[in-house]
Amino acid sequence: MHVGLQIPSFKYPGGTAEIRPKLKEIVTTAEAGGFYSLWVMDHYYQIKGMFGEAYTDPMLEAYSTLGYFAGLTE
């Protein structure tokens, strides 16, 4: 069985300046932990109410984000 990791939110303490380093930490830890795939939401706006998020909370474009992940993994 293969297990993947879904990253549903990009809201982190420290604001948007923390998105890139936090994602790098998550992605490299997931790869080291043996996760088979990484997934992100494909929305331009955050889904209201999901994980306490508001429409205005940070949401990254999915394909660009996955490209960033690919550059961090082997």
C-alpha atoms as a PDB file:
ATOM      1  CA  MET A   1       0.000   0.000   0.000  1.00  0.00           C
ATOM      2  CA  HIS A   2       1.177   3.545  -0.787  1.00  0.00           C
ATOM      3  CA  VAL A   3       0.371   6.412   1.558  1.00  0.00           C
ATOM      4  CA  GLY A   4       0.238  10.055   0.449  1.00  0.00           C
ATOM      5  CA  LEU A   5       0.152  13.337   2.332  1.00  0.00           C
ATOM      6  CA  GLN A   6      -2.475  16.022   1.640  1.00  0.00           C
ATOM      7  CA  ILE A   7      -1.527  19.608   2.552  1.00  0.00           C
ATOM      8  CA  PRO A   8      -4.899  21.397   2.809  1.00  0.00           C
ATOM      9  CA  SER A   9      -3.801  24.728   4.272  1.00  0.00           C
ATOM     10  CA  PHE A  10      -0.959  27.211   3.810  1.00  0.00           C
ATOM     11  CA  LYS A  11      -1.675  29.275   6.929  1.00  0.00           C
ATOM     12  CA  TYR A  12       1.253  29.127   9.333  1.00  0.00           C
ATOM     13  CA  PRO A  13       2.353  31.137  12.383  1.00  0.00           C
ATOM     14  CA  GLY A  14       4.541  33.948  11.105  1.00  0.00           C
ATOM     15  CA  GLY A  15       2.332  34.731   8.112  1.00  0.00           C
ATOM     16  CA  THR A  16       3.052  34.268   4.440  1.00  0.00           C
ATOM     17  CA  ALA A  17       6.812  34.729   4.933  1.00  0.00           C
ATOM     18  CA  GLU A  18       6.819  31.299   6.572  1.00  0.00           C
ATOM     19  CA  ILE A  19       5.091  29.381   3.758  1.00  0.00           C
ATOM     20  CA  ARG A  20       8.214  28.411   1.782  1.00  0.00           C
ATOM     21  CA  PRO A  21      10.380  27.255   4.732  1.00  0.00           C
ATOM     22  CA  LYS A  22       7.433  25.443   6.345  1.00  0.00           C
ATOM     23  CA  LEU A  23       6.571  23.622   3.110  1.00  0.00           C
ATOM     24  CA  LYS A  24      10.221  22.651   2.676  1.00  0.00           C
ATOM     25  CA  GLU A  25      10.181  21.181   6.180  1.00  0.00           C
ATOM     26  CA  ILE A  26       6.932  19.281   5.538  1.00  0.00           C
ATOM     27  CA  VAL A  27       8.024  17.953   2.129  1.00  0.00           C
ATOM     28  CA  THR A  28      11.494  16.802   3.181  1.00  0.00           C
ATOM     29  CA  THR A  29      10.111  15.209   6.361  1.00  0.00           C
ATOM     30  CA  ALA A  30       7.385  13.417   4.374  1.00  0.00           C
ATOM     31  CA  GLU A  31       9.930  12.069   1.888  1.00  0.00           C
ATOM     32  CA  ALA A  32      12.245  10.908   4.681  1.00  0.00           C
ATOM     33  CA  GLY A  33       9.240   9.272   6.365  1.00  0.00           C
ATOM     34  CA  GLY A  34       8.411   7.226   3.272  1.00  0.00           C
ATOM     35  CA  PHE A  35       5.303   9.009   1.988  1.00  0.00           C
ATOM     36  CA  TYR A  36       4.628   8.011  -1.621  1.00  0.00           C
ATOM     37  CA  SER A  37       2.948  11.215  -2.811  1.00  0.00           C
ATOM     38  CA  LEU A  38       2.129  14.791  -1.813  1.00  0.00           C
ATOM     39  CA  TRP A  39      -1.162  16.459  -2.662  1.00  0.00           C
ATOM     40  CA  VAL A  40      -2.425  20.040  -2.474  1.00  0.00           C
ATOM     41  CA  MET A  41      -5.824  21.608  -3.028  1.00  0.00           C
ATOM     42  CA  ASP A  42      -6.498  23.020  -6.494  1.00  0.00           C
ATOM     43  CA  HIS A  43      -8.384  26.187  -5.536  1.00  0.00           C
ATOM     44  CA  TYR A  44      -7.649  29.868  -6.010  1.00  0.00           C
ATOM     45  CA  TYR A  45      -9.266  30.677  -2.684  1.00  0.00           C
ATOM     46  CA  GLN A  46      -9.282  28.793   0.585  1.00  0.00           C
ATOM     47  CA  ILE A  47     -12.462  26.845   1.327  1.00  0.00           C
ATOM     48  CA  LYS A  48     -14.266  28.790   4.044  1.00  0.00           C
ATOM     49  CA  GLY A  49     -14.564  26.926   7.304  1.00  0.00           C
ATOM     50  CA  MET A  50     -12.118  24.179   6.396  1.00  0.00           C
ATOM     51  CA  PHE A  51      -9.628  23.912   9.252  1.00  0.00           C
ATOM     52  CA  GLY A  52     -10.885  27.284  10.515  1.00  0.00           C
ATOM     53  CA  GLU A  53      -9.741  29.041   7.354  1.00  0.00           C
ATOM     54  CA  ALA A  54     -11.242  32.131   5.728  1.00  0.00           C
ATOM     55  CA  TYR A  55     -11.534  32.872   2.007  1.00  0.00           C
ATOM     56  CA  THR A  56      -8.714  35.392   2.368  1.00  0.00           C
ATOM     57  CA  ASP A  57      -6.175  32.992   3.919  1.00  0.00           C
ATOM     58  CA  PRO A  58      -3.174  32.056   1.749  1.00  0.00           C
ATOM     59  CA  MET A  59      -3.765  29.550  -1.055  1.00  0.00           C
ATOM     60  CA  LEU A  60      -1.014  28.597  -3.474  1.00  0.00           C
ATOM     61  CA  GLU A  61      -1.545  27.654  -7.119  1.00  0.00           C
ATOM     62  CA  ALA A  62      -1.433  23.852  -7.204  1.00  0.00           C
ATOM     63  CA  TYR A  63       0.800  23.089 -10.194  1.00  0.00           C
ATOM     64  CA  SER A  64       3.456  25.641  -9.225  1.00  0.00           C
ATOM     65  CA  THR A  65       3.427  24.314  -5.669  1.00  0.00           C
ATOM     66  CA  LEU A  66       3.856  20.722  -6.855  1.00  0.00           C
ATOM     67  CA  GLY A  67       6.743  21.872  -9.060  1.00  0.00           C
ATOM     68  CA  TYR A  68       8.387  23.387  -5.976  1.00  0.00           C
ATOM     69  CA  PHE A  69       7.890  20.086  -4.148  1.00  0.00           C
ATOM     70  CA  ALA A  70       9.483  18.194  -7.046  1.00  0.00           C
ATOM     71  CA  GLY A  71      12.559  20.391  -6.763  1.00  0.00           C
ATOM     72  CA  LEU A  72      12.883  19.486  -3.084  1.00  0.00           C
ATOM     73  CA  THR A  73      12.569  15.718  -3.501  1.00  0.00           C
ATOM     74  CA  GLU A  74      14.555  12.982  -5.205  1.00  0.00           C
END
